[in-house]
C-alpha cells in the first residue's frame, strides 16, 4: 500500500515563508515510483485548486499563475521528498495543502481527477 504523507504547514505572518514536504511510504515505494507529483490547495468553501507540479524523472515544473515567482517545487534526492517552498505568503494563500501523485503519465496535471494518490493535507494559515 502506497501512501503520501504531507507535512510542514503552520501559522505564518503575511510575507513569511513555509516549506511543505511530501514523502511516499509503503514497501518498495518512494517518490520515484511516481511519474509526477503535484501540490493542490483547498480553502473553506472552495474546490481544490492546482498550485504546482513536478515531473519526477525530468524534474520539469509548472505553477499556477497566482504563485509563480513565490513558490518553488523541488525534489530532495537523498530523502527522497518533494518540497514546496512558499515565500512571500499572502492571506489568500491560506488553505489546506495536499500533495498528489500518480504512477502513470499525467496529461492534464492541473486536474484533480488525474491523481490517484493524495496526502492527508496540511493546514497553512497566513495572518495579515
Foldseek 3Di string as FASTA:
>chain_A
DKAKAKDWADEEAQQAKTKMKIWIDDPPDICVLFQKKFKWWDAPPDDIWGAKMAGPVVRDMDGDPVQPPFWDWGFDPVVTIIMIIGGSDDQVVWGWMKMFTHNDDQDPVGDPVSTDHIHPTDTHGYHD
